């Protein structure tokens, strides 16, 4: 590995004397780094040398470049390109002299300005590298030449405390004071105020590439970050597809730019996290502390109707937690808006009373297992089709049930496959089969499993709809369809379905059968499986095996199942929990946190109303159902059911389906799959030897045989990009571009 030596100055500070910036004090250390070291790796080395806490200090790196015999410029090292330039400059340009890397540490605090961190060292090294504060001025002679060839000797020097100077607003590009850095954290929707307004531990995360669910969420996060960071911003551009904001004080460089991607999401494309605001212009009245932001902050206080939380309390909490003073009228408006969000208005409560009484008398359902079927083309000489039937085990792993090989996807072929599947699993009165919209599958299913329900993969239905109506990739109709298909409650489904403002598309979806693709309309027997991804995954795993002859293909499948059964049998034997760890146990533990904060109201011996502050849930323990429908579709206690179990001191595990238990999981893989002995040792009966099985009749097309899957109509193809030269249109193995060779020197 090619390495480079670097001389690092650290524990020093930058001071200004007569418009000259100098680096004084500190210690020196030589380190060896890789020639391809990244900026983050270099910063890690600096933290290790200085023994500084990442949560308290931020590292700033610079190095000095001579512009003339008496003028020097300090360049910042802020990314990977800067690191590579520094290494190349140190090894190639100034190979005969040493260019030190100057490191300073600054405290990260919750206000706009922080002071430089200075250390008192018994033994340290003093070096002053000087630069004028204005780039247009001539540079003065430095006190110590940064590239002088000399032996550095340690001496006892007392390092004085240097206070950061307030920069002039007219020359903001040359301000060298400390800056506030917004560290990573949660989005505005993830903030938990713990029932109050306090968000002291909240942190903003505006890194480039961050995607927010919508523009409103981005604005809320910006406002909260501004209030917490004691700065104000103004909107430069705001529209349906973009948002650009800058700091209120010019010429402060803080800014953020975001653009719309997808249906509603906004992506951050540019972000400068540093502030250079003048403290004299800060005010205790914050323009970003709006009524909407405050109402979102205090609405958790009103989940319990017995809570008394006045406008005066809001004023006190805002001042204590945010350091912002708001008027009584704003606090009152925030309180009223929060009450409306949580409880709704009085007029709305009377309007929905008849619907509420109707919903009070209905909803009883249950849930059943499901099988996904699919077929994929073989790529061997005689081609053909591989039929697959799969299901989920209790740990949500793929559990293959049956494989079959046929010539084409015809009615006869699918009827034959379903007949063989019936021999494997027997009669199942509550069977549900999920597939694409192939008519042969539906016809064969009706003949072999007349009592089984047939569901449609909503992903395939979306592709068919996209191709039939020539919809674009980011058409809002597709987004509303996905949200409607995944909705648990019928009211939520109707809301998204009504947003599909195309009568032809709505008619198309209704004719396809709402109960076949909509989670809200299914009767609970789909086991919450909405796609055929489990069958598609098997096809993907066997994408190379499908090129083999039939016998070798079957052997590959047998070998795959043998490994799967052994690994999962071993995991099930090591499992100590009541339910499968990756599905049942994980979901119950995740829902327990939300259930612990809910209120349970008993209606009768088996029905309970659970208040969660949103749409609530009516739980029927005897029927294993809830109005949120997650209990029905998953056959696993939802957060409302867990809240009832906690209220009654019942074991929530007892209300989970046996499919999720450790015993059922272990029983599914109890049997071993043995390998087939070598062909020379086979003992074949005569009646089997007399069977003459011929390959299917297939037409060989001219040209090279296709090995890659042909994309369906409406699918987007990915453009090739070379990882060697970065040019699109070819791969690295076929790249013919000339790559320049750099002359690298190594410092010993």
Foldseek 3Di string as FASTA:
>chain_A
DFKFKAKAFELWDWDADPQKIKTWKGAIDIDIDHLQDWPVNVVVVVCVVVVDDPQWKDKWKWWWDDPDPFAIDIDTDDTRVSVNVVRCCQCPVPVVFHIHIYMFIWTADLEFFTWTDHDQDQKHFTAIDIHGLDPVDGHGHTPDDRGDDDDTDIDGDGDDGHGQDQDDQVRVVRRDGDWHFFDDFDFPVPQDLPQAQADQVGTHHQDAFDKDQAPVSVLLSVLVSCLRSQFAKDWPDDDQFKTKIDTPDPPWPFIWIWTDDFQGMIGTHDGDRTTSDDPVPGDLAYPSPALVSLLVSNLSNPLDVPRDQALVNSQVVCCVRRVHGDDSVSSRSSPVVSCCLLPNDPVVCVVCVVVVVVVVPDDFFAEAFEKEKDKDWFQADLIWIKIWIWGAFLLRDIGTQDIDTGHDLALVVLLVVLQVSCVRPPADQLYEYEYAPDVSNVNSCCVNPVNYHYAYQVVNVLLVLCQVVVNAPRPVLSVLSVQLQLAQAPVSNVVSLVVNPDVVSSVVCVVVPCCRQHNNNPRLHHLSDRHSVSVVVVCVVCLVLSHDPPVSSVQVVLVVVQVVLVVLLVVLVPDDDFFNVNPQVVQVVVLQVQLVPWDWADDDDFWIWIRNSDPTWIGGQVSQAINSGPSRNNQADGSRNVNVCVVVVHDSSVSHDPSGGSVSSNVSSVDGRDHDDDPVPDDDDPVVVPDDDDRDDDDDDDDDRDSDDDDDPPDDDDWAAEPPPGDTDDYVVPDDDDDDDDDGDHDD
